Amino acid sequence: MLFSATMPGQIVALARRYMTQPTHIRATDPTSDSSIVDAIEQHVWRCHQMDKPELVARVLQAEGRGLTMIFCRTKRVAGNLAEDLANRGFASAAVHGDLGQGAREQALRAFRSGKVDVLVATDVAARGIDVADVTHVINYECPDDEKTYLHRVGRTGRAGASGVAITLVDWQDINRWQMINRMLGMAFNDPIETYSSSDHVYIGLGIPAGTTGELPGSARTREGLAGEKLEDLGETGANKGRRSNSSRPQTSKSSAAKKSSSSSKPVAANSSSAPAAKPKERAPRQRNRTRSSQKDA
């Protein structure tokens, strides 16, 4: 038997290759008309790319927000967003393919333990991650299809709990989103034009008035990623083959002292105690005078 949270084309091909007459069984809630849990509160906003970091930073200060997962399509966007949120005072961490296995495990442990409450991940890196008590899911970039949308949003609202799912749609992704909306039969065909200062963002999520994109110092109570130990599990990402400073061979003190003492001795250009060696003179070359002596004879 093969179990999977989603059934993309690669999984279907794998099942057909290694299984005999596989049967696809999907478990759904018979009391629900849609594939999305009713307890999930959904918001779909059309916004500008440059305003997204500020908008997300204000959303993260919503009332009742707990562990939050933010999904991006590319590794670069995920890394930049996690760094930007950390600079704003949030306890954030990233999980993507350019990180080594040890760094990914460190981020997940910190997220599960609550030392980090914002996890920014790509779809590929987030597969198989099961974290309880996720209250908010933010689609920083529009998902590729309806299956990806369900996979992302399904990280919250589990085990009877409520959750909030927010999708930010760029102007160029409107057609893609409308296709997802139509496939899932939702009522968000025309996303609301939204800015970080829009009133419906503050009112709908319970964000205190006057909130900015910078987390106040009094709210920075989590340890962050630095509070979780980084285990040496070997590098599997872009850092593979790099050696840390602690693993590099150190030069011994005696050899370093010898190098220092030898390099610190001044060398005199014209010293009387050590005269320069005189160049060796070459002996004069003797000419062969055999022919001339025969003529004289």
C-alpha atoms as a PDB file:
ATOM      1  CA  MET A   1       0.000   0.000   0.000  1.00  0.00           C
ATOM      2  CA  LEU A   2       1.174   3.523  -0.816  1.00  0.00           C
ATOM      3  CA  PHE A   3       0.005   6.552   1.189  1.00  0.00           C
ATOM      4  CA  SER A   4       0.472  10.180   0.137  1.00  0.00           C
ATOM      5  CA  ALA A   5      -1.069  13.477   1.239  1.00  0.00           C
ATOM      6  CA  THR A   6      -1.343  14.450  -2.421  1.00  0.00           C
ATOM      7  CA  MET A   7      -1.254  12.426  -5.606  1.00  0.00           C
ATOM      8  CA  PRO A   8       0.788  14.336  -8.210  1.00  0.00           C
ATOM      9  CA  GLY A   9       1.731  12.848 -11.556  1.00  0.00           C
ATOM     10  CA  GLN A  10       5.133  11.615 -10.335  1.00  0.00           C
ATOM     11  CA  ILE A  11       3.516   9.573  -7.542  1.00  0.00           C
ATOM     12  CA  VAL A  12       0.952   8.094  -9.928  1.00  0.00           C
ATOM     13  CA  ALA A  13       3.714   7.064 -12.351  1.00  0.00           C
ATOM     14  CA  LEU A  14       5.686   5.520  -9.479  1.00  0.00           C
ATOM     15  CA  ALA A  15       2.657   3.514  -8.341  1.00  0.00           C
ATOM     16  CA  ARG A  16       1.961   2.227 -11.849  1.00  0.00           C
ATOM     17  CA  ARG A  17       5.563   1.161 -12.268  1.00  0.00           C
ATOM     18  CA  TYR A  18       6.051  -0.802  -9.055  1.00  0.00           C
ATOM     19  CA  MET A  19       2.502  -1.887  -8.142  1.00  0.00           C
ATOM     20  CA  THR A  20       0.173  -4.400  -9.771  1.00  0.00           C
ATOM     21  CA  GLN A  21      -3.140  -2.890 -10.841  1.00  0.00           C
ATOM     22  CA  PRO A  22      -3.070  -0.071  -8.256  1.00  0.00           C
ATOM     23  CA  THR A  23      -6.362   1.412  -7.095  1.00  0.00           C
ATOM     24  CA  HIS A  24      -6.543   5.086  -6.157  1.00  0.00           C
ATOM     25  CA  ILE A  25      -8.604   5.611  -2.979  1.00  0.00           C
ATOM     26  CA  ARG A  26      -9.259   9.172  -1.815  1.00  0.00           C
ATOM     27  CA  ALA A  27     -10.578   9.900   1.680  1.00  0.00           C
ATOM     28  CA  THR A  28     -12.880  12.930   1.931  1.00  0.00           C
ATOM     29  CA  ASP A  29     -15.287  14.368   4.452  1.00  0.00           C
ATOM     30  CA  PRO A  30     -18.815  13.362   3.340  1.00  0.00           C
ATOM     31  CA  THR A  31     -20.354  16.305   5.215  1.00  0.00           C
ATOM     32  CA  SER A  32     -18.326  18.874   3.294  1.00  0.00           C
ATOM     33  CA  ASP A  33     -19.079  20.013  -0.240  1.00  0.00           C
ATOM     34  CA  SER A  34     -15.531  21.195  -0.899  1.00  0.00           C
ATOM     35  CA  SER A  35     -12.063  19.752  -0.480  1.00  0.00           C
ATOM     36  CA  ILE A  36     -11.088  22.539   1.933  1.00  0.00           C
ATOM     37  CA  VAL A  37     -11.902  22.257   5.619  1.00  0.00           C
ATOM     38  CA  ASP A  38     -14.741  24.582   6.558  1.00  0.00           C
ATOM     39  CA  ALA A  39     -12.858  25.717   9.666  1.00  0.00           C
ATOM     40  CA  ILE A  40     -10.232  27.433   7.490  1.00  0.00           C
ATOM     41  CA  GLU A  41     -10.870  31.137   7.006  1.00  0.00           C
ATOM     42  CA  GLN A  42      -9.655  32.093   3.522  1.00  0.00           C
ATOM     43  CA  HIS A  43      -8.521  35.477   2.252  1.00  0.00           C
ATOM     44  CA  VAL A  44      -7.412  36.129  -1.336  1.00  0.00           C
ATOM     45  CA  TRP A  45      -5.855  39.496  -2.091  1.00  0.00           C
ATOM     46  CA  ARG A  46      -4.431  41.043  -5.249  1.00  0.00           C
ATOM     47  CA  CYS A  47      -1.351  43.042  -4.303  1.00  0.00           C
ATOM     48  CA  HIS A  48       1.847  44.512  -5.679  1.00  0.00           C
ATOM     49  CA  GLN A  49       5.091  42.567  -5.480  1.00  0.00           C
ATOM     50  CA  MET A  50       6.985  45.430  -3.820  1.00  0.00           C
ATOM     51  CA  ASP A  51       4.386  45.758  -1.052  1.00  0.00           C
ATOM     52  CA  LYS A  52       4.291  42.065  -0.138  1.00  0.00           C
ATOM     53  CA  PRO A  53       7.007  42.038   2.575  1.00  0.00           C
ATOM     54  CA  GLU A  54       5.366  44.959   4.389  1.00  0.00           C
ATOM     55  CA  LEU A  55       1.930  43.358   4.079  1.00  0.00           C
ATOM     56  CA  VAL A  56       3.154  40.012   5.421  1.00  0.00           C
ATOM     57  CA  ALA A  57       4.933  41.714   8.328  1.00  0.00           C
ATOM     58  CA  ARG A  58       1.670  43.337   9.391  1.00  0.00           C
ATOM     59  CA  VAL A  59      -0.335  40.134   8.915  1.00  0.00           C
ATOM     60  CA  LEU A  60       2.100  38.352  11.239  1.00  0.00           C
ATOM     61  CA  GLN A  61       0.973  40.705  14.011  1.00  0.00           C
ATOM     62  CA  ALA A  62      -2.670  39.624  13.737  1.00  0.00           C
ATOM     63  CA  GLU A  63      -4.611  38.707  16.838  1.00  0.00           C
ATOM     64  CA  GLY A  64      -4.286  35.058  17.850  1.00  0.00           C
ATOM     65  CA  ARG A  65      -1.533  34.220  15.370  1.00  0.00           C
ATOM     66  CA  GLY A  66       0.537  31.203  16.308  1.00  0.00           C
ATOM     67  CA  LEU A  67       2.849  29.066  14.187  1.00  0.00           C
ATOM     68  CA  THR A  68       2.791  30.312  10.601  1.00  0.00           C
ATOM     69  CA  MET A  69       3.949  28.721   7.348  1.00  0.00           C
ATOM     70  CA  ILE A  70       4.707  30.916   4.338  1.00  0.00           C
ATOM     71  CA  PHE A  71       4.990  29.249   0.937  1.00  0.00           C
ATOM     72  CA  CYS A  72       7.088  30.521  -1.979  1.00  0.00           C
ATOM     73  CA  ARG A  73       7.695  29.127  -5.449  1.00  0.00           C
ATOM     74  CA  THR A  74      11.472  29.644  -5.610  1.00  0.00           C
ATOM     75  CA  LYS A  75      14.391  29.111  -3.244  1.00  0.00           C
ATOM     76  CA  ARG A  76      15.661  32.635  -3.759  1.00  0.00           C
ATOM     77  CA  VAL A  77      12.371  34.262  -2.770  1.00  0.00           C
ATOM     78  CA  ALA A  78      12.059  32.007   0.289  1.00  0.00           C
ATOM     79  CA  GLY A  79      15.556  32.835   1.514  1.00  0.00           C
ATOM     80  CA  ASN A  80      15.195  36.571   0.931  1.00  0.00           C
ATOM     81  CA  LEU A  81      11.810  36.727   2.649  1.00  0.00           C
ATOM     82  CA  ALA A  82      13.009  34.812   5.723  1.00  0.00           C
ATOM     83  CA  GLU A  83      15.983  37.164   6.024  1.00  0.00           C
ATOM     84  CA  ASP A  84      13.799  40.246   5.574  1.00  0.00           C
ATOM     85  CA  LEU A  85      11.377  39.107   8.292  1.00  0.00           C
ATOM     86  CA  ALA A  86      14.265  38.369  10.643  1.00  0.00           C
ATOM     87  CA  ASN A  87      15.558  41.907  10.105  1.00  0.00           C
ATOM     88  CA  ARG A  88      12.096  43.184  11.022  1.00  0.00           C
ATOM     89  CA  GLY A  89      12.273  41.385  14.365  1.00  0.00           C
ATOM     90  CA  PHE A  90      10.360  38.162  13.637  1.00  0.00           C
ATOM     91  CA  ALA A  91      11.648  34.736  14.650  1.00  0.00           C
ATOM     92  CA  SER A  92      11.750  33.293  11.132  1.00  0.00           C
ATOM     93  CA  ALA A  93      13.598  30.477   9.396  1.00  0.00           C
ATOM     94  CA  ALA A  94      13.758  29.134   5.847  1.00  0.00           C
ATOM     95  CA  VAL A  95      13.556  25.615   4.442  1.00  0.00           C
ATOM     96  CA  HIS A  96      14.596  25.166   0.806  1.00  0.00           C
ATOM     97  CA  GLY A  97      16.836  23.049  -1.400  1.00  0.00           C
ATOM     98  CA  ASP A  98      19.925  25.259  -1.158  1.00  0.00           C
ATOM     99  CA  LEU A  99      20.257  24.500   2.558  1.00  0.00           C
ATOM    100  CA  GLY A 100      22.110  21.483   3.877  1.00  0.00           C
ATOM    101  CA  GLN A 101      20.286  18.703   5.680  1.00  0.00           C
ATOM    102  CA  GLY A 102      21.568  19.900   9.050  1.00  0.00           C
ATOM    103  CA  ALA A 103      20.271  23.442   8.480  1.00  0.00           C
ATOM    104  CA  ARG A 104      16.846  22.184   7.375  1.00  0.00           C
ATOM    105  CA  GLU A 105      16.541  19.927  10.421  1.00  0.00           C
ATOM    106  CA  GLN A 106      17.605  22.813  12.657  1.00  0.00           C
ATOM    107  CA  ALA A 107      14.853  25.042  11.231  1.00  0.00           C
ATOM    108  CA  LEU A 108      12.188  22.352  11.636  1.00  0.00           C
ATOM    109  CA  ARG A 109      13.154  21.602  15.236  1.00  0.00           C
ATOM    110  CA  ALA A 110      13.100  25.302  16.078  1.00  0.00           C
ATOM    111  CA  PHE A 111       9.677  25.636  14.440  1.00  0.00           C
ATOM    112  CA  ARG A 112       8.188  22.644  16.257  1.00  0.00           C
ATOM    113  CA  SER A 113       9.561  23.790  19.610  1.00  0.00           C
ATOM    114  CA  GLY A 114       8.297  27.356  19.167  1.00  0.00           C
ATOM    115  CA  LYS A 115      11.712  29.009  19.135  1.00  0.00           C
ATOM    116  CA  VAL A 116      10.798  30.052  15.601  1.00  0.00           C
ATOM    117  CA  ASP A 117       7.158  30.818  14.801  1.00  0.00           C
ATOM    118  CA  VAL A 118       7.474  31.722  11.107  1.00  0.00           C
ATOM    119  CA  LEU A 119       8.676  29.074   8.643  1.00  0.00           C
ATOM    120  CA  VAL A 120       9.254  30.149   5.030  1.00  0.00           C
ATOM    121  CA  ALA A 121       9.420  27.172   2.678  1.00  0.00           C
ATOM    122  CA  THR A 122       9.237  26.124  -0.944  1.00  0.00           C
ATOM    123  CA  ASP A 123       6.712  23.511  -2.048  1.00  0.00           C
ATOM    124  CA  VAL A 124       9.353  20.844  -2.698  1.00  0.00           C
ATOM    125  CA  ALA A 125      11.166  21.318   0.612  1.00  0.00           C
ATOM    126  CA  ALA A 126       7.898  21.398   2.577  1.00  0.00           C
ATOM    127  CA  ARG A 127       6.675  18.025   1.342  1.00  0.00           C
ATOM    128  CA  GLY A 128       6.342  15.582   4.200  1.00  0.00           C
ATOM    129  CA  ILE A 129       6.576  18.259   6.908  1.00  0.00           C
ATOM    130  CA  ASP A 130       3.916  17.619   9.544  1.00  0.00           C
ATOM    131  CA  VAL A 131       3.731  20.282  12.245  1.00  0.00           C
ATOM    132  CA  ALA A 132       0.801  20.564  14.632  1.00  0.00           C
ATOM    133  CA  ASP A 133      -0.854  23.787  15.798  1.00  0.00           C
ATOM    134  CA  VAL A 134      -0.217  25.814  12.629  1.00  0.00           C
ATOM    135  CA  THR A 135      -2.706  28.689  12.836  1.00  0.00           C
ATOM    136  CA  HIS A 136      -1.856  30.656   9.687  1.00  0.00           C
ATOM    137  CA  VAL A 137      -0.764  29.749   6.160  1.00  0.00           C
ATOM    138  CA  ILE A 138       0.345  32.481   3.768  1.00  0.00           C
ATOM    139  CA  ASN A 139       0.711  31.834   0.044  1.00  0.00           C
ATOM    140  CA  TYR A 140       3.333  34.488  -0.655  1.00  0.00           C
ATOM    141  CA  GLU A 141       3.180  33.530  -4.329  1.00  0.00           C
ATOM    142  CA  CYS A 142       0.251  32.057  -6.193  1.00  0.00           C
ATOM    143  CA  PRO A 143       0.435  28.233  -6.294  1.00  0.00           C
ATOM    144  CA  ASP A 144       0.885  26.493  -9.623  1.00  0.00           C
ATOM    145  CA  ASP A 145      -2.382  24.519  -9.531  1.00  0.00           C
ATOM    146  CA  GLU A 146      -5.310  23.544  -7.334  1.00  0.00           C
ATOM    147  CA  LYS A 147      -3.512  20.514  -5.875  1.00  0.00           C
ATOM    148  CA  THR A 148      -0.658  22.685  -4.662  1.00  0.00           C
ATOM    149  CA  TYR A 149      -3.155  25.106  -3.167  1.00  0.00           C
ATOM    150  CA  LEU A 150      -4.886  22.319  -1.231  1.00  0.00           C
ATOM    151  CA  HIS A 151      -1.537  20.954  -0.070  1.00  0.00           C
ATOM    152  CA  ARG A 152      -0.456  24.360   1.262  1.00  0.00           C
ATOM    153  CA  VAL A 153      -3.738  25.370   2.882  1.00  0.00           C
ATOM    154  CA  GLY A 154      -4.151  21.930   4.428  1.00  0.00           C
ATOM    155  CA  ARG A 155      -1.276  22.632   6.839  1.00  0.00           C
ATOM    156  CA  THR A 156      -3.713  24.511   9.078  1.00  0.00           C
ATOM    157  CA  GLY A 157      -7.184  23.691  10.390  1.00  0.00           C
ATOM    158  CA  ARG A 158      -6.214  20.149  11.393  1.00  0.00           C
ATOM    159  CA  ALA A 159      -7.813  17.912  14.019  1.00  0.00           C
ATOM    160  CA  GLY A 160     -10.862  20.125  14.350  1.00  0.00           C
ATOM    161  CA  ALA A 161      -8.865  23.309  14.926  1.00  0.00           C
ATOM    162  CA  SER A 162      -9.537  26.535  13.063  1.00  0.00           C
ATOM    163  CA  GLY A 163      -7.045  28.233  10.789  1.00  0.00           C
ATOM    164  CA  VAL A 164      -6.441  31.175   8.483  1.00  0.00           C
ATOM    165  CA  ALA A 165      -5.207  30.897   4.888  1.00  0.00           C
ATOM    166  CA  ILE A 166      -4.095  34.030   3.028  1.00  0.00           C
ATOM    167  CA  THR A 167      -3.195  34.030  -0.667  1.00  0.00           C
ATOM    168  CA  LEU A 168      -1.359  36.951  -2.259  1.00  0.00           C
ATOM    169  CA  VAL A 169      -1.895  37.116  -6.017  1.00  0.00           C
ATOM    170  CA  ASP A 170       0.356  39.179  -8.267  1.00  0.00           C
ATOM    171  CA  TRP A 171      -1.144  41.053 -11.175  1.00  0.00           C
ATOM    172  CA  GLN A 172       0.458  38.677 -13.679  1.00  0.00           C
ATOM    173  CA  ASP A 173      -0.927  35.617 -11.844  1.00  0.00           C
ATOM    174  CA  ILE A 174      -4.602  36.561 -12.049  1.00  0.00           C
ATOM    175  CA  ASN A 175      -5.344  34.063 -14.828  1.00  0.00           C
ATOM    176  CA  ARG A 176      -3.641  31.237 -12.947  1.00  0.00           C
ATOM    177  CA  TRP A 177      -5.547  32.020  -9.784  1.00  0.00           C
ATOM    178  CA  GLN A 178      -8.890  32.207 -11.605  1.00  0.00           C
ATOM    179  CA  MET A 179      -8.239  28.727 -12.981  1.00  0.00           C
ATOM    180  CA  ILE A 180      -7.516  27.427  -9.437  1.00  0.00           C
ATOM    181  CA  ASN A 181     -10.618  29.166  -8.130  1.00  0.00           C
ATOM    182  CA  ARG A 182     -12.765  27.621 -10.854  1.00  0.00           C
ATOM    183  CA  MET A 183     -11.376  24.103 -10.323  1.00  0.00           C
ATOM    184  CA  LEU A 184     -12.096  24.254  -6.575  1.00  0.00           C
ATOM    185  CA  GLY A 185     -15.450  26.003  -6.939  1.00  0.00           C
ATOM    186  CA  MET A 186     -14.545  28.881  -4.630  1.00  0.00           C
ATOM    187  CA  ALA A 187     -15.917  32.423  -4.570  1.00  0.00           C
ATOM    188  CA  PHE A 188     -12.654  34.338  -4.999  1.00  0.00           C
ATOM    189  CA  ASN A 189     -12.593  34.794  -8.766  1.00  0.00           C
ATOM    190  CA  ASP A 190     -11.769  38.508  -8.494  1.00  0.00           C
ATOM    191  CA  PRO A 191      -9.298  39.013  -5.617  1.00  0.00           C
ATOM    192  CA  ILE A 192      -9.642  42.252  -3.677  1.00  0.00           C
ATOM    193  CA  GLU A 193      -7.029  44.881  -4.492  1.00  0.00           C
ATOM    194  CA  THR A 194      -5.048  45.114  -1.274  1.00  0.00           C
ATOM    195  CA  TYR A 195      -2.223  47.178   0.162  1.00  0.00           C
ATOM    196  CA  SER A 196      -0.382  46.916   3.458  1.00  0.00           C
ATOM    197  CA  SER A 197      -2.410  49.892   4.709  1.00  0.00           C
ATOM    198  CA  SER A 198      -5.835  48.622   3.570  1.00  0.00           C
ATOM    199  CA  ASP A 199      -8.549  48.769   6.220  1.00  0.00           C
ATOM    200  CA  HIS A 200      -9.968  45.315   5.433  1.00  0.00           C
ATOM    201  CA  VAL A 201      -6.583  43.760   6.309  1.00  0.00           C
ATOM    202  CA  TYR A 202      -6.620  45.271   9.800  1.00  0.00           C
ATOM    203  CA  ILE A 203     -10.317  44.630  10.416  1.00  0.00           C
ATOM    204  CA  GLY A 204     -10.496  41.138   8.922  1.00  0.00           C
ATOM    205  CA  LEU A 205      -7.480  39.768  10.823  1.00  0.00           C
ATOM    206  CA  GLY A 206      -7.762  41.771  14.024  1.00  0.00           C
ATOM    207  CA  ILE A 207      -4.518  43.689  13.565  1.00  0.00           C
ATOM    208  CA  PRO A 208      -4.145  46.495  16.127  1.00  0.00           C
ATOM    209  CA  ALA A 209      -4.441  50.012  14.733  1.00  0.00           C
ATOM    210  CA  GLY A 210      -1.131  51.724  14.097  1.00  0.00           C
ATOM    211  CA  THR A 211       0.723  48.450  13.469  1.00  0.00           C
ATOM    212  CA  THR A 212       3.719  48.811  11.162  1.00  0.00           C
ATOM    213  CA  GLY A 213       5.961  46.320   9.409  1.00  0.00           C
ATOM    214  CA  GLU A 214       8.428  46.262  12.299  1.00  0.00           C
ATOM    215  CA  LEU A 215       7.826  43.972  15.284  1.00  0.00           C
ATOM    216  CA  PRO A 216       8.024  45.979  18.542  1.00  0.00           C
ATOM    217  CA  GLY A 217      10.877  45.116  20.863  1.00  0.00           C
ATOM    218  CA  SER A 218       8.490  44.068  23.621  1.00  0.00           C
ATOM    219  CA  ALA A 219       7.034  41.376  21.347  1.00  0.00           C
ATOM    220  CA  ARG A 220      10.381  39.832  20.442  1.00  0.00           C
ATOM    221  CA  THR A 221      10.239  37.065  23.036  1.00  0.00           C
ATOM    222  CA  ARG A 222      11.237  34.003  21.017  1.00  0.00           C
ATOM    223  CA  GLU A 223      14.778  32.660  20.899  1.00  0.00           C
ATOM    224  CA  GLY A 224      14.880  32.389  17.133  1.00  0.00           C
ATOM    225  CA  LEU A 225      16.929  30.042  14.991  1.00  0.00           C
ATOM    226  CA  ALA A 226      20.071  30.686  17.054  1.00  0.00           C
ATOM    227  CA  GLY A 227      18.395  28.997  20.010  1.00  0.00           C
ATOM    228  CA  GLU A 228      18.413  25.621  18.237  1.00  0.00           C
ATOM    229  CA  LYS A 229      21.608  23.611  17.920  1.00  0.00           C
ATOM    230  CA  LEU A 230      22.893  22.899  14.415  1.00  0.00           C
ATOM    231  CA  GLU A 231      23.763  19.223  14.079  1.00  0.00           C
ATOM    232  CA  ASP A 232      26.442  18.041  11.676  1.00  0.00           C
ATOM    233  CA  LEU A 233      24.417  15.778   9.379  1.00  0.00           C
ATOM    234  CA  GLY A 234      26.462  16.367   6.225  1.00  0.00           C
ATOM    235  CA  GLU A 235      25.735  18.872   3.531  1.00  0.00           C
ATOM    236  CA  THR A 236      23.282  17.972   0.793  1.00  0.00           C
ATOM    237  CA  GLY A 237      22.465  21.389  -0.604  1.00  0.00           C
ATOM    238  CA  ALA A 238      24.446  24.176  -2.192  1.00  0.00           C
ATOM    239  CA  ASN A 239      26.866  24.174   0.770  1.00  0.00           C
ATOM    240  CA  LYS A 240      28.050  20.664  -0.018  1.00  0.00           C
ATOM    241  CA  GLY A 241      31.839  20.370   0.086  1.00  0.00           C
ATOM    242  CA  ARG A 242      32.365  23.571   2.062  1.00  0.00           C
ATOM    243  CA  ARG A 243      34.315  23.255   5.280  1.00  0.00           C
ATOM    244  CA  SER A 244      33.622  25.322   8.342  1.00  0.00           C
ATOM    245  CA  ASN A 245      36.350  27.335  10.002  1.00  0.00           C
ATOM    246  CA  SER A 246      36.403  24.974  12.976  1.00  0.00           C
ATOM    247  CA  SER A 247      37.129  21.960  10.767  1.00  0.00           C
ATOM    248  CA  ARG A 248      40.093  23.483   8.971  1.00  0.00           C
ATOM    249  CA  PRO A 249      43.545  22.340  10.138  1.00  0.00           C
ATOM    250  CA  GLN A 250      45.123  24.898  12.443  1.00  0.00           C
ATOM    251  CA  THR A 251      48.786  25.873  12.258  1.00  0.00           C
ATOM    252  CA  SER A 252      50.730  24.894  15.379  1.00  0.00           C
ATOM    253  CA  LYS A 253      52.039  27.645  17.654  1.00  0.00           C
ATOM    254  CA  SER A 254      55.675  26.554  17.254  1.00  0.00           C
ATOM    255  CA  SER A 255      55.563  26.618  13.471  1.00  0.00           C
ATOM    256  CA  ALA A 256      53.734  29.924  13.528  1.00  0.00           C
ATOM    257  CA  ALA A 257      56.370  31.348  15.881  1.00  0.00           C
ATOM    258  CA  LYS A 258      59.161  30.150  13.602  1.00  0.00           C
ATOM    259  CA  LYS A 259      57.533  31.779  10.607  1.00  0.00           C
ATOM    260  CA  SER A 260      57.039  34.976  12.562  1.00  0.00           C
ATOM    261  CA  SER A 261      60.630  35.098  13.819  1.00  0.00           C
ATOM    262  CA  SER A 262      62.139  34.333  10.440  1.00  0.00           C
ATOM    263  CA  SER A 263      60.022  36.892   8.688  1.00  0.00           C
ATOM    264  CA  SER A 264      60.714  39.567  11.319  1.00  0.00           C
ATOM    265  CA  LYS A 265      64.538  39.496  10.945  1.00  0.00           C
ATOM    266  CA  PRO A 266      65.750  42.462   8.864  1.00  0.00           C
ATOM    267  CA  VAL A 267      68.134  41.712   6.043  1.00  0.00           C
ATOM    268  CA  ALA A 268      70.938  44.275   5.532  1.00  0.00           C
ATOM    269  CA  ALA A 269      71.755  45.171   1.986  1.00  0.00           C
ATOM    270  CA  ASN A 270      75.483  45.983   2.617  1.00  0.00           C
ATOM    271  CA  SER A 271      76.654  44.204   5.780  1.00  0.00           C
ATOM    272  CA  SER A 272      80.353  44.027   6.670  1.00  0.00           C
ATOM    273  CA  SER A 273      79.916  40.812   8.653  1.00  0.00           C
ATOM    274  CA  ALA A 274      78.487  38.990   5.676  1.00  0.00           C
ATOM    275  CA  PRO A 275      80.179  40.288   2.504  1.00  0.00           C
ATOM    276  CA  ALA A 276      78.655  39.342  -0.778  1.00  0.00           C
ATOM    277  CA  ALA A 277      80.413  36.556  -2.663  1.00  0.00           C
ATOM    278  CA  LYS A 278      82.679  37.757  -5.475  1.00  0.00           C
ATOM    279  CA  PRO A 279      81.650  36.533  -8.898  1.00  0.00           C
ATOM    280  CA  LYS A 280      83.940  33.825 -10.215  1.00  0.00           C
ATOM    281  CA  GLU A 281      86.200  34.977 -13.075  1.00  0.00           C
ATOM    282  CA  ARG A 282      86.290  32.920 -16.209  1.00  0.00           C
ATOM    283  CA  ALA A 283      89.642  31.718 -17.513  1.00  0.00           C
ATOM    284  CA  PRO A 284      90.688  33.259 -20.850  1.00  0.00           C
ATOM    285  CA  ARG A 285      89.960  31.057 -23.794  1.00  0.00           C
ATOM    286  CA  GLN A 286      93.048  29.689 -25.574  1.00  0.00           C
ATOM    287  CA  ARG A 287      92.959  29.911 -29.309  1.00  0.00           C
ATOM    288  CA  ASN A 288      94.067  27.055 -31.513  1.00  0.00           C
ATOM    289  CA  ARG A 289      97.249  28.308 -33.228  1.00  0.00           C
ATOM    290  CA  THR A 290      98.135  25.066 -34.990  1.00  0.00           C
ATOM    291  CA  ARG A 291      97.514  26.337 -38.497  1.00  0.00           C
ATOM    292  CA  SER A 292      99.448  29.571 -38.022  1.00  0.00           C
ATOM    293  CA  SER A 293     102.441  27.748 -36.559  1.00  0.00           C
ATOM    294  CA  GLN A 294     102.529  25.359 -39.537  1.00  0.00           C
ATOM    295  CA  LYS A 295     102.613  28.289 -41.961  1.00  0.00           C
ATOM    296  CA  ASP A 296     105.529  29.865 -40.142  1.00  0.00           C
ATOM    297  CA  ALA A 297     107.416  26.589 -40.372  1.00  0.00           C
END
